Amino acid sequence: MFPVKECFDECIDIHRKGFEEINQKPENVVGYINDLIDARYRNKCYGINWLLYSLGKNCSKPDLSRISSYVKIHREDKILVAGISHEKHRKERDCLNPDYVINQIPNPERLVIGGFHQSSCVDKVAEASYKRGVETFVDEDTTELFFPKMCQEKIPLERKNWS
């Protein structure tokens, strides 16, 4: 959810000192999130969906200009729209409608959700999905928690235990 420049830049700035302490350039560390997504999901035939803010007042069009250069979106991945623009979200503190997002995924059997920000949008979509009876997990390693974890130790590509 929301692989946008501003979120990545903000997290990099917050954790820049931590990256320096492990003698890594933030750019090198942040690219590892693509490896996590590939190993945990893409290579296991999960469909990858990216949620983007909507383009201005046109709620049905994604704002592709905000995608972070750190994220590798593949041709077969699906782009979902939030139904809210980045500007409206920032100015009015308006949040996305989780049902609007989930309705863009036809008949999900299982959802694994990551992105920014876990305590708000990610958890709201996960809760709405779970209430629909969909097996739902939040992969914290692919949320903003990725950044402090990578400052301490490399996150394993394979996740052995899910809870």
C-alpha atoms as a PDB file:
ATOM      1  CA  MET A   1       0.000   0.000   0.000  1.00  0.00           C
ATOM      2  CA  PHE A   2       1.171   3.451  -0.964  1.00  0.00           C
ATOM      3  CA  PRO A   3       4.660   2.875  -2.401  1.00  0.00           C
ATOM      4  CA  VAL A   4       5.023   6.638  -2.741  1.00  0.00           C
ATOM      5  CA  LYS A   5       8.143   8.782  -2.759  1.00  0.00           C
ATOM      6  CA  GLU A   6       7.168  10.866   0.257  1.00  0.00           C
ATOM      7  CA  CYS A   7       6.736   7.839   2.528  1.00  0.00           C
ATOM      8  CA  PHE A   8      10.058   6.288   1.524  1.00  0.00           C
ATOM      9  CA  ASP A   9      11.897   9.610   1.776  1.00  0.00           C
ATOM     10  CA  GLU A  10      10.446  10.291   5.218  1.00  0.00           C
ATOM     11  CA  CYS A  11      11.465   6.862   6.535  1.00  0.00           C
ATOM     12  CA  ILE A  12      14.949   7.150   5.028  1.00  0.00           C
ATOM     13  CA  ASP A  13      15.449  10.544   6.687  1.00  0.00           C
ATOM     14  CA  ILE A  14      14.278   9.233  10.049  1.00  0.00           C
ATOM     15  CA  HIS A  15      16.614   6.205   9.898  1.00  0.00           C
ATOM     16  CA  ARG A  16      19.567   7.719   8.032  1.00  0.00           C
ATOM     17  CA  LYS A  17      21.760   7.623  11.140  1.00  0.00           C
ATOM     18  CA  GLY A  18      20.914   3.954  11.694  1.00  0.00           C
ATOM     19  CA  PHE A  19      21.939   3.123   8.145  1.00  0.00           C
ATOM     20  CA  GLU A  20      25.204   4.994   8.625  1.00  0.00           C
ATOM     21  CA  GLU A  21      25.875   3.014  11.826  1.00  0.00           C
ATOM     22  CA  ILE A  22      25.725  -0.238   9.867  1.00  0.00           C
ATOM     23  CA  ASN A  23      27.879   1.308   7.110  1.00  0.00           C
ATOM     24  CA  GLN A  24      25.157   1.142   4.477  1.00  0.00           C
ATOM     25  CA  LYS A  25      23.814   3.694   2.066  1.00  0.00           C
ATOM     26  CA  PRO A  26      20.063   4.031   2.594  1.00  0.00           C
ATOM     27  CA  GLU A  27      19.472   3.545  -1.127  1.00  0.00           C
ATOM     28  CA  ASN A  28      21.129   0.112  -1.018  1.00  0.00           C
ATOM     29  CA  VAL A  29      19.180  -1.025   2.028  1.00  0.00           C
ATOM     30  CA  VAL A  30      15.794   0.216   0.841  1.00  0.00           C
ATOM     31  CA  GLY A  31      16.027  -1.696  -2.439  1.00  0.00           C
ATOM     32  CA  TYR A  32      15.979  -4.916  -0.406  1.00  0.00           C
ATOM     33  CA  ILE A  33      12.221  -4.514   0.066  1.00  0.00           C
ATOM     34  CA  ASN A  34      11.826  -5.688  -3.551  1.00  0.00           C
ATOM     35  CA  ASP A  35      13.780  -8.837  -2.712  1.00  0.00           C
ATOM     36  CA  LEU A  36      11.429  -9.478   0.228  1.00  0.00           C
ATOM     37  CA  ILE A  37       8.351  -9.069  -1.952  1.00  0.00           C
ATOM     38  CA  ASP A  38       9.813 -11.330  -4.629  1.00  0.00           C
ATOM     39  CA  ALA A  39      10.890 -14.099  -2.239  1.00  0.00           C
ATOM     40  CA  ARG A  40       7.824 -14.110  -0.015  1.00  0.00           C
ATOM     41  CA  TYR A  41       5.106 -13.456  -2.565  1.00  0.00           C
ATOM     42  CA  ARG A  42       5.938 -13.037  -6.247  1.00  0.00           C
ATOM     43  CA  ASN A  43       8.010 -16.265  -6.401  1.00  0.00           C
ATOM     44  CA  LYS A  44       5.185 -18.111  -4.634  1.00  0.00           C
ATOM     45  CA  CYS A  45       2.616 -17.064  -7.231  1.00  0.00           C
ATOM     46  CA  TYR A  46       0.835 -14.453  -5.141  1.00  0.00           C
ATOM     47  CA  GLY A  47      -0.812 -11.732  -7.168  1.00  0.00           C
ATOM     48  CA  ILE A  48       0.906  -8.451  -6.325  1.00  0.00           C
ATOM     49  CA  ASN A  49      -1.337  -5.404  -5.953  1.00  0.00           C
ATOM     50  CA  TRP A  50      -0.045  -1.882  -5.433  1.00  0.00           C
ATOM     51  CA  LEU A  51      -2.337   0.701  -3.892  1.00  0.00           C
ATOM     52  CA  LEU A  52      -1.779   4.230  -5.130  1.00  0.00           C
ATOM     53  CA  TYR A  53      -3.423   7.515  -4.340  1.00  0.00           C
ATOM     54  CA  SER A  54      -5.991   8.661  -6.853  1.00  0.00           C
ATOM     55  CA  LEU A  55      -5.154  11.302  -9.417  1.00  0.00           C
ATOM     56  CA  GLY A  56      -6.654  14.603  -8.259  1.00  0.00           C
ATOM     57  CA  LYS A  57     -10.427  14.562  -8.334  1.00  0.00           C
ATOM     58  CA  ASN A  58     -10.539  11.522 -10.623  1.00  0.00           C
ATOM     59  CA  CYS A  59     -10.874   8.800  -7.994  1.00  0.00           C
ATOM     60  CA  SER A  60     -10.642   5.947 -10.495  1.00  0.00           C
ATOM     61  CA  LYS A  61      -7.211   6.877 -11.916  1.00  0.00           C
ATOM     62  CA  PRO A  62      -3.949   6.170 -10.036  1.00  0.00           C
ATOM     63  CA  ASP A  63      -1.416   8.943  -9.504  1.00  0.00           C
ATOM     64  CA  LEU A  64       1.563   7.187 -11.084  1.00  0.00           C
ATOM     65  CA  SER A  65       3.772  10.246 -10.588  1.00  0.00           C
ATOM     66  CA  ARG A  66       4.078   9.499  -6.871  1.00  0.00           C
ATOM     67  CA  ILE A  67       5.592   5.996  -7.170  1.00  0.00           C
ATOM     68  CA  SER A  68       8.925   5.720  -5.396  1.00  0.00           C
ATOM     69  CA  SER A  69      11.934   4.816  -7.503  1.00  0.00           C
ATOM     70  CA  TYR A  70      12.812   2.228  -4.835  1.00  0.00           C
ATOM     71  CA  VAL A  71       9.826   0.074  -5.766  1.00  0.00           C
ATOM     72  CA  LYS A  72       9.855  -2.324  -8.715  1.00  0.00           C
ATOM     73  CA  ILE A  73       6.368  -2.697 -10.106  1.00  0.00           C
ATOM     74  CA  HIS A  74       6.183  -5.535 -12.624  1.00  0.00           C
ATOM     75  CA  ARG A  75       4.019  -5.582 -15.714  1.00  0.00           C
ATOM     76  CA  GLU A  76       1.843  -8.383 -14.316  1.00  0.00           C
ATOM     77  CA  ASP A  77       1.219  -6.539 -11.029  1.00  0.00           C
ATOM     78  CA  LYS A  78      -2.111  -4.843 -10.539  1.00  0.00           C
ATOM     79  CA  ILE A  79      -2.523  -1.179  -9.616  1.00  0.00           C
ATOM     80  CA  LEU A  80      -5.362  -0.371  -7.225  1.00  0.00           C
ATOM     81  CA  VAL A  81      -6.581   3.130  -6.464  1.00  0.00           C
ATOM     82  CA  ALA A  82      -7.297   4.518  -3.022  1.00  0.00           C
ATOM     83  CA  GLY A  83     -10.252   6.657  -4.064  1.00  0.00           C
ATOM     84  CA  ILE A  84      -8.569   9.637  -2.436  1.00  0.00           C
ATOM     85  CA  SER A  85      -5.792  11.908  -3.653  1.00  0.00           C
ATOM     86  CA  HIS A  86      -2.565  12.424  -1.750  1.00  0.00           C
ATOM     87  CA  GLU A  87      -3.387  16.120  -1.395  1.00  0.00           C
ATOM     88  CA  LYS A  88      -6.803  15.460   0.116  1.00  0.00           C
ATOM     89  CA  HIS A  89      -5.342  12.870   2.471  1.00  0.00           C
ATOM     90  CA  ARG A  90      -2.679  15.310   3.685  1.00  0.00           C
ATOM     91  CA  LYS A  91      -4.844  18.444   3.908  1.00  0.00           C
ATOM     92  CA  GLU A  92      -8.015  16.952   5.333  1.00  0.00           C
ATOM     93  CA  ARG A  93      -6.505  13.956   7.132  1.00  0.00           C
ATOM     94  CA  ASP A  94      -9.070  11.978   5.210  1.00  0.00           C
ATOM     95  CA  CYS A  95      -8.376   8.269   4.985  1.00  0.00           C
ATOM     96  CA  LEU A  96      -9.212   5.719   2.354  1.00  0.00           C
ATOM     97  CA  ASN A  97     -12.339   3.580   2.410  1.00  0.00           C
ATOM     98  CA  PRO A  98     -11.079   0.015   2.993  1.00  0.00           C
ATOM     99  CA  ASP A  99     -14.093  -1.521   1.256  1.00  0.00           C
ATOM    100  CA  TYR A 100     -13.390   0.583  -1.845  1.00  0.00           C
ATOM    101  CA  VAL A 101      -9.890  -0.908  -1.923  1.00  0.00           C
ATOM    102  CA  ILE A 102     -10.881  -4.525  -1.260  1.00  0.00           C
ATOM    103  CA  ASN A 103     -13.662  -4.385  -3.852  1.00  0.00           C
ATOM    104  CA  GLN A 104     -10.968  -3.927  -6.517  1.00  0.00           C
ATOM    105  CA  ILE A 105      -9.617  -7.423  -5.774  1.00  0.00           C
ATOM    106  CA  PRO A 106     -11.981 -10.023  -7.220  1.00  0.00           C
ATOM    107  CA  ASN A 107     -12.772 -12.794  -4.718  1.00  0.00           C
ATOM    108  CA  PRO A 108      -9.655 -12.684  -2.564  1.00  0.00           C
ATOM    109  CA  GLU A 109      -9.044 -15.927  -0.678  1.00  0.00           C
ATOM    110  CA  ARG A 110      -6.023 -14.688   1.220  1.00  0.00           C
ATOM    111  CA  LEU A 111      -4.537 -11.229   1.586  1.00  0.00           C
ATOM    112  CA  VAL A 112      -1.115 -10.331   2.885  1.00  0.00           C
ATOM    113  CA  ILE A 113      -0.851  -6.595   3.359  1.00  0.00           C
ATOM    114  CA  GLY A 114       2.138  -4.332   3.768  1.00  0.00           C
ATOM    115  CA  GLY A 115       2.795  -0.668   3.216  1.00  0.00           C
ATOM    116  CA  PHE A 116       2.499   2.709   4.831  1.00  0.00           C
ATOM    117  CA  HIS A 117       1.234   3.269   7.480  1.00  0.00           C
ATOM    118  CA  GLN A 118       0.581   0.098   9.403  1.00  0.00           C
ATOM    119  CA  SER A 119      -1.265   1.687  12.303  1.00  0.00           C
ATOM    120  CA  SER A 120      -3.732   3.425   9.993  1.00  0.00           C
ATOM    121  CA  CYS A 121      -4.401   2.436   6.381  1.00  0.00           C
ATOM    122  CA  VAL A 122      -2.781  -1.015   6.460  1.00  0.00           C
ATOM    123  CA  ASP A 123      -4.604  -2.084   9.622  1.00  0.00           C
ATOM    124  CA  LYS A 124      -7.917  -0.630   8.370  1.00  0.00           C
ATOM    125  CA  VAL A 125      -7.774  -2.618   5.139  1.00  0.00           C
ATOM    126  CA  ALA A 126      -6.658  -5.739   7.016  1.00  0.00           C
ATOM    127  CA  GLU A 127      -9.528  -5.422   9.491  1.00  0.00           C
ATOM    128  CA  ALA A 128     -12.107  -4.921   6.743  1.00  0.00           C
ATOM    129  CA  SER A 129     -10.722  -7.903   4.832  1.00  0.00           C
ATOM    130  CA  TYR A 130     -10.772 -10.113   7.928  1.00  0.00           C
ATOM    131  CA  LYS A 131     -14.377  -9.118   8.683  1.00  0.00           C
ATOM    132  CA  ARG A 132     -15.305 -10.330   5.194  1.00  0.00           C
ATOM    133  CA  GLY A 133     -13.961 -13.761   6.100  1.00  0.00           C
ATOM    134  CA  VAL A 134     -10.775 -13.450   4.055  1.00  0.00           C
ATOM    135  CA  GLU A 135      -7.655 -15.024   5.534  1.00  0.00           C
ATOM    136  CA  THR A 136      -5.662 -11.863   6.225  1.00  0.00           C
ATOM    137  CA  PHE A 137      -2.129 -11.169   7.412  1.00  0.00           C
ATOM    138  CA  VAL A 138      -0.089  -8.001   7.803  1.00  0.00           C
ATOM    139  CA  ASP A 139       3.562  -8.513   6.914  1.00  0.00           C
ATOM    140  CA  GLU A 140       5.187  -5.975   9.204  1.00  0.00           C
ATOM    141  CA  ASP A 141       8.502  -6.450   7.424  1.00  0.00           C
ATOM    142  CA  THR A 142       6.951  -4.712   4.406  1.00  0.00           C
ATOM    143  CA  THR A 143       5.541  -1.763   6.351  1.00  0.00           C
ATOM    144  CA  GLU A 144       7.391   1.266   7.686  1.00  0.00           C
ATOM    145  CA  LEU A 145       8.815  -1.127  10.327  1.00  0.00           C
ATOM    146  CA  PHE A 146      11.124  -2.374   7.564  1.00  0.00           C
ATOM    147  CA  PHE A 147      13.393   0.621   8.099  1.00  0.00           C
ATOM    148  CA  PRO A 148      14.258   0.299  11.809  1.00  0.00           C
ATOM    149  CA  LYS A 149      14.537  -3.497  11.485  1.00  0.00           C
ATOM    150  CA  MET A 150      17.043  -3.179   8.644  1.00  0.00           C
ATOM    151  CA  CYS A 151      19.130  -0.807  10.777  1.00  0.00           C
ATOM    152  CA  GLN A 152      19.529  -3.602  13.329  1.00  0.00           C
ATOM    153  CA  GLU A 153      19.784  -6.754  11.228  1.00  0.00           C
ATOM    154  CA  LYS A 154      18.923  -7.978   7.776  1.00  0.00           C
ATOM    155  CA  ILE A 155      15.343  -9.183   7.532  1.00  0.00           C
ATOM    156  CA  PRO A 156      15.197 -12.808   6.337  1.00  0.00           C
ATOM    157  CA  LEU A 157      13.731 -13.301   2.882  1.00  0.00           C
ATOM    158  CA  GLU A 158      11.751 -16.316   4.034  1.00  0.00           C
ATOM    159  CA  ARG A 159       9.311 -15.987   6.875  1.00  0.00           C
ATOM    160  CA  LYS A 160       9.032 -19.292   8.723  1.00  0.00           C
ATOM    161  CA  ASN A 161       6.258 -18.485  11.164  1.00  0.00           C
ATOM    162  CA  TRP A 162       3.092 -16.484  10.582  1.00  0.00           C
ATOM    163  CA  SER A 163       0.829 -15.395  13.366  1.00  0.00           C
END
